Amino acid sequence: MKKIPIAMLGALLLPLSLLSQEVGTDPKNHDNWQVRIRGLAIAPDEDASIESIGGEVDISTAVIPELDFTYFFTEHWAAELILGTSKHDVEAIGTAAGNMDLGHVWLLPPTLTLQYHITGQKLRPYLGAGINYTLFYGSDEGPVADGVDYENSTGLALQLGVDYELGNHWFLNMDLKKIFLSTDATIDANTVLGATVGAEVDIDPLLVGIGLGYRF
């Protein structure tokens, strides 16, 4: 199973630590809220350890609409909550029983990040880090298994993005997030294998978003 790259986490959090004195900035000179609608591509970087039959897992990329809300505590510091849900096809590949179509599953991954924004110009980059909680629901086991169950999971989220000011409170946005997400899956394969198979699955998706926002 893959480990969270601590060096990557440190590299993104260091600027936030160095700029922590900005928390005291006067909050009266900025708009407190912004809302964005983004088109979001969710690309899993999957890895798995499957009991008994071995093999790996393949999880499809999804493209979805996503809504997010950001609240600015100060001119530079903000918290963002993203909301969206995605459907992914799942397949166990290269197992002792061959490839197994495991149907699909829906993910609901609300993610909250603390951000530092560089302001005072049209192009405003930001860094963020926070927490993700993913709920798995609506799973369909596909034609092979009798059932597939996924455990809900909490993971780390890292973020890098930029806003481009259009005027009159509107702006364009590009955003990258890396979520370190793992789940324990239980595959009821009694009909085919005469057994129930457990698997530890790293999903670790990269989220790439482009959208339009409004600040107020």
Protein backbone atom coordinates (compact mmCIF):
# COMPACT_ATOMS: atom_id res chain seq x y z
CA MET A 1 0.00 0.00 0.00
CA LYS A 2 1.24 3.50 -0.80
CA LYS A 3 2.24 5.98 1.89
CA ILE A 4 1.34 9.68 2.03
CA PRO A 5 4.40 11.56 0.67
CA ILE A 6 5.45 13.51 3.75
CA ALA A 7 7.94 15.61 1.76
CA MET A 8 5.15 16.73 -0.57
CA LEU A 9 2.94 17.64 2.38
CA GLY A 10 5.74 19.62 4.00
CA ALA A 11 6.53 21.47 0.79
CA LEU A 12 2.95 22.68 0.47
CA LEU A 13 2.41 23.49 4.14
CA LEU A 14 5.70 25.35 4.69
CA PRO A 15 4.54 28.56 2.95
CA LEU A 16 1.40 28.53 5.11
CA SER A 17 3.52 28.22 8.24
CA LEU A 18 5.91 30.99 7.19
CA LEU A 19 3.03 33.33 6.45
CA SER A 20 1.01 32.54 9.55
CA GLN A 21 1.51 36.06 10.91
CA GLU A 22 -0.94 37.26 8.26
CA VAL A 23 -3.83 35.83 10.27
CA GLY A 24 -3.99 39.15 12.04
CA THR A 25 -4.71 41.11 8.84
CA ASP A 26 -7.67 43.53 9.09
CA PRO A 27 -10.65 41.56 7.66
CA LYS A 28 -12.65 44.69 6.71
CA ASN A 29 -10.89 45.25 3.37
CA HIS A 30 -12.12 42.17 1.54
CA ASP A 31 -15.28 40.26 0.62
CA ASN A 32 -15.92 37.40 3.02
CA TRP A 33 -17.59 34.87 0.73
CA GLN A 34 -17.06 33.38 -2.67
CA VAL A 35 -18.85 30.61 -4.53
CA ARG A 36 -17.60 28.67 -7.54
CA ILE A 37 -19.03 26.22 -10.05
CA ARG A 38 -16.37 24.01 -11.62
CA GLY A 39 -16.09 21.20 -14.09
CA LEU A 40 -14.05 18.57 -12.25
CA ALA A 41 -12.08 15.58 -13.55
CA ILE A 42 -11.40 12.91 -10.91
CA ALA A 43 -8.52 10.62 -11.90
CA PRO A 44 -7.78 7.79 -9.41
CA ASP A 45 -4.18 6.68 -8.85
CA GLU A 46 -5.25 3.27 -7.64
CA ASP A 47 -3.36 0.47 -5.92
CA ALA A 48 -4.72 -2.61 -4.13
CA SER A 49 -3.88 -5.59 -1.98
CA ILE A 50 -6.45 -8.32 -2.66
CA GLU A 51 -6.63 -11.34 -0.35
CA SER A 52 -6.31 -14.90 -1.68
CA ILE A 53 -6.57 -14.15 -5.41
CA GLY A 54 -4.04 -11.31 -5.72
CA GLY A 55 -4.18 -8.87 -8.61
CA GLU A 56 -4.81 -5.14 -8.84
CA VAL A 57 -7.78 -2.83 -9.22
CA ASP A 58 -8.75 -0.48 -12.04
CA ILE A 59 -11.04 2.47 -11.21
CA SER A 60 -12.39 4.69 -13.97
CA THR A 61 -11.91 8.47 -14.25
CA ALA A 62 -15.04 10.58 -13.77
CA VAL A 63 -15.97 14.10 -14.94
CA ILE A 64 -18.58 15.90 -12.84
CA PRO A 65 -19.95 19.36 -11.96
CA GLU A 66 -18.74 20.58 -8.56
CA LEU A 67 -19.87 23.37 -6.24
CA ASP A 68 -17.66 24.98 -3.61
CA PHE A 69 -17.95 27.70 -1.01
CA THR A 70 -15.07 29.73 0.45
CA TYR A 71 -15.11 31.94 3.53
CA PHE A 72 -12.31 34.48 4.08
CA PHE A 73 -11.34 35.00 7.72
CA THR A 74 -8.86 37.68 6.62
CA GLU A 75 -7.68 39.05 3.28
CA HIS A 76 -5.31 36.08 2.87
CA TRP A 77 -6.69 33.20 4.94
CA ALA A 78 -9.79 31.24 3.97
CA ALA A 79 -11.55 27.91 4.34
CA GLU A 80 -13.09 26.09 1.38
CA LEU A 81 -15.72 23.34 1.31
CA ILE A 82 -16.25 21.41 -1.93
CA LEU A 83 -19.35 19.41 -2.72
CA GLY A 84 -19.85 16.90 -5.52
CA THR A 85 -20.49 13.23 -6.19
CA SER A 86 -18.99 10.89 -8.78
CA LYS A 87 -19.63 7.43 -10.23
CA HIS A 88 -16.71 5.08 -10.93
CA ASP A 89 -16.51 1.70 -12.66
CA VAL A 90 -14.40 -0.83 -10.75
CA GLU A 91 -12.56 -3.90 -12.06
CA ALA A 92 -10.20 -6.36 -10.37
CA ILE A 93 -7.49 -7.21 -12.89
CA GLY A 94 -4.80 -9.87 -13.08
CA THR A 95 -6.26 -11.98 -10.26
CA ALA A 96 -5.95 -15.76 -9.95
CA ALA A 97 -9.53 -15.89 -11.24
CA GLY A 98 -8.82 -13.54 -14.14
CA ASN A 99 -10.31 -10.09 -14.54
CA MET A 100 -13.48 -9.44 -12.54
CA ASP A 101 -16.00 -6.71 -13.39
CA LEU A 102 -17.05 -5.33 -9.99
CA GLY A 103 -19.67 -2.95 -11.31
CA HIS A 104 -19.65 0.63 -10.09
CA VAL A 105 -19.79 2.71 -6.93
CA TRP A 106 -20.72 6.31 -6.15
CA LEU A 107 -18.42 8.52 -4.06
CA LEU A 108 -19.53 11.54 -2.03
CA PRO A 109 -16.29 13.22 -0.86
CA PRO A 110 -16.91 16.51 1.02
CA THR A 111 -13.51 18.15 1.46
CA LEU A 112 -12.58 21.06 3.74
CA THR A 113 -9.29 22.91 3.23
CA LEU A 114 -7.55 25.84 4.91
CA GLN A 115 -6.06 28.14 2.28
CA TYR A 116 -3.54 30.95 1.99
CA HIS A 117 -4.26 33.40 -0.88
CA ILE A 118 -1.79 35.85 -2.44
CA THR A 119 -3.91 38.94 -3.10
CA GLY A 120 -3.56 42.45 -4.51
CA GLN A 121 -3.38 41.48 -8.19
CA LYS A 122 -5.61 40.05 -10.94
CA LEU A 123 -3.89 36.69 -10.80
CA ARG A 124 -4.23 35.32 -7.26
CA PRO A 125 -2.62 31.94 -6.51
CA TYR A 126 -3.37 29.98 -3.34
CA LEU A 127 -2.25 26.90 -1.43
CA GLY A 128 -4.40 24.72 0.79
CA ALA A 129 -4.41 21.63 2.96
CA GLY A 130 -7.20 19.91 4.81
CA ILE A 131 -9.32 16.84 5.34
CA ASN A 132 -11.59 14.71 3.20
CA TYR A 133 -14.33 12.32 4.28
CA THR A 134 -15.58 10.01 1.54
CA LEU A 135 -18.86 8.13 1.66
CA PHE A 136 -19.29 5.16 -0.68
CA TYR A 137 -22.88 4.49 -1.76
CA GLY A 138 -25.04 3.08 -4.54
CA SER A 139 -22.63 0.26 -5.33
CA ASP A 140 -23.54 -2.27 -8.04
CA GLU A 141 -21.56 -5.51 -7.83
CA GLY A 142 -21.55 -6.21 -11.57
CA PRO A 143 -22.04 -9.58 -13.29
CA VAL A 144 -19.45 -11.62 -11.34
CA ALA A 145 -19.67 -10.88 -7.61
CA ASP A 146 -22.73 -11.36 -5.41
CA GLY A 147 -22.02 -8.10 -3.61
CA VAL A 148 -19.32 -5.50 -2.95
CA ASP A 149 -19.10 -3.36 0.19
CA TYR A 150 -16.81 -0.34 0.68
CA GLU A 151 -15.91 1.30 4.01
CA ASN A 152 -16.25 5.07 4.32
CA SER A 153 -12.89 6.74 4.79
CA THR A 154 -11.08 9.89 6.00
CA GLY A 155 -8.00 11.20 4.23
CA LEU A 156 -5.63 14.15 3.72
CA ALA A 157 -6.22 16.70 0.97
CA LEU A 158 -3.60 19.02 -0.60
CA GLN A 159 -4.50 21.89 -2.91
CA LEU A 160 -2.96 24.33 -5.39
CA GLY A 161 -4.99 26.82 -7.41
CA VAL A 162 -5.29 30.26 -8.96
CA ASP A 163 -8.10 32.79 -9.40
CA TYR A 164 -8.09 35.34 -12.25
CA GLU A 165 -10.09 38.50 -11.63
CA LEU A 166 -12.63 39.39 -14.36
CA GLY A 167 -14.16 42.41 -12.61
CA ASN A 168 -17.52 43.10 -10.94
CA HIS A 169 -16.85 40.32 -8.38
CA TRP A 170 -16.48 37.58 -11.05
CA PHE A 171 -13.35 35.48 -11.56
CA LEU A 172 -12.05 32.41 -13.36
CA ASN A 173 -10.55 29.54 -11.39
CA MET A 174 -8.17 26.65 -11.96
CA ASP A 175 -7.64 24.19 -9.10
CA LEU A 176 -5.68 21.00 -8.39
CA LYS A 177 -6.29 18.73 -5.42
CA LYS A 178 -4.62 15.51 -4.36
CA ILE A 179 -6.64 13.39 -1.97
CA PHE A 180 -5.04 10.49 -0.12
CA LEU A 181 -7.99 8.12 0.09
CA SER A 182 -8.05 4.43 1.05
CA THR A 183 -10.89 2.00 1.70
CA ASP A 184 -11.38 -1.58 2.81
CA ALA A 185 -13.56 -3.47 0.34
CA THR A 186 -15.34 -6.78 0.88
CA ILE A 187 -16.23 -8.79 -2.22
CA ASP A 188 -18.85 -11.50 -1.88
CA ALA A 189 -17.70 -13.94 -4.56
CA ASN A 190 -19.23 -17.14 -3.23
CA THR A 191 -20.90 -18.02 -6.54
CA VAL A 192 -17.64 -17.81 -8.50
CA LEU A 193 -14.92 -18.50 -5.92
CA GLY A 194 -16.84 -20.04 -3.04
CA ALA A 195 -15.42 -17.35 -0.75
CA THR A 196 -15.63 -13.76 0.43
CA VAL A 197 -12.54 -11.76 -0.53
CA GLY A 198 -11.21 -8.70 1.29
CA ALA A 199 -9.14 -5.95 -0.30
CA GLU A 200 -7.30 -2.84 0.86
CA VAL A 201 -7.61 -0.24 -1.89
CA ASP A 202 -5.76 3.06 -2.31
CA ILE A 203 -7.74 5.37 -4.61
CA ASP A 204 -5.64 8.56 -4.14
CA PRO A 205 -7.38 10.64 -6.84
CA LEU A 206 -6.10 13.78 -8.52
CA LEU A 207 -8.88 16.36 -8.92
CA VAL A 208 -8.49 18.89 -11.75
CA GLY A 209 -11.07 21.67 -11.84
CA ILE A 210 -11.81 24.70 -14.04
CA GLY A 211 -14.67 27.02 -13.29
CA LEU A 212 -16.28 30.39 -12.71
CA GLY A 213 -16.65 32.12 -9.35
CA TYR A 214 -18.37 35.06 -7.71
CA ARG A 215 -17.06 36.93 -4.65
CA PHE A 216 -19.37 38.85 -2.29
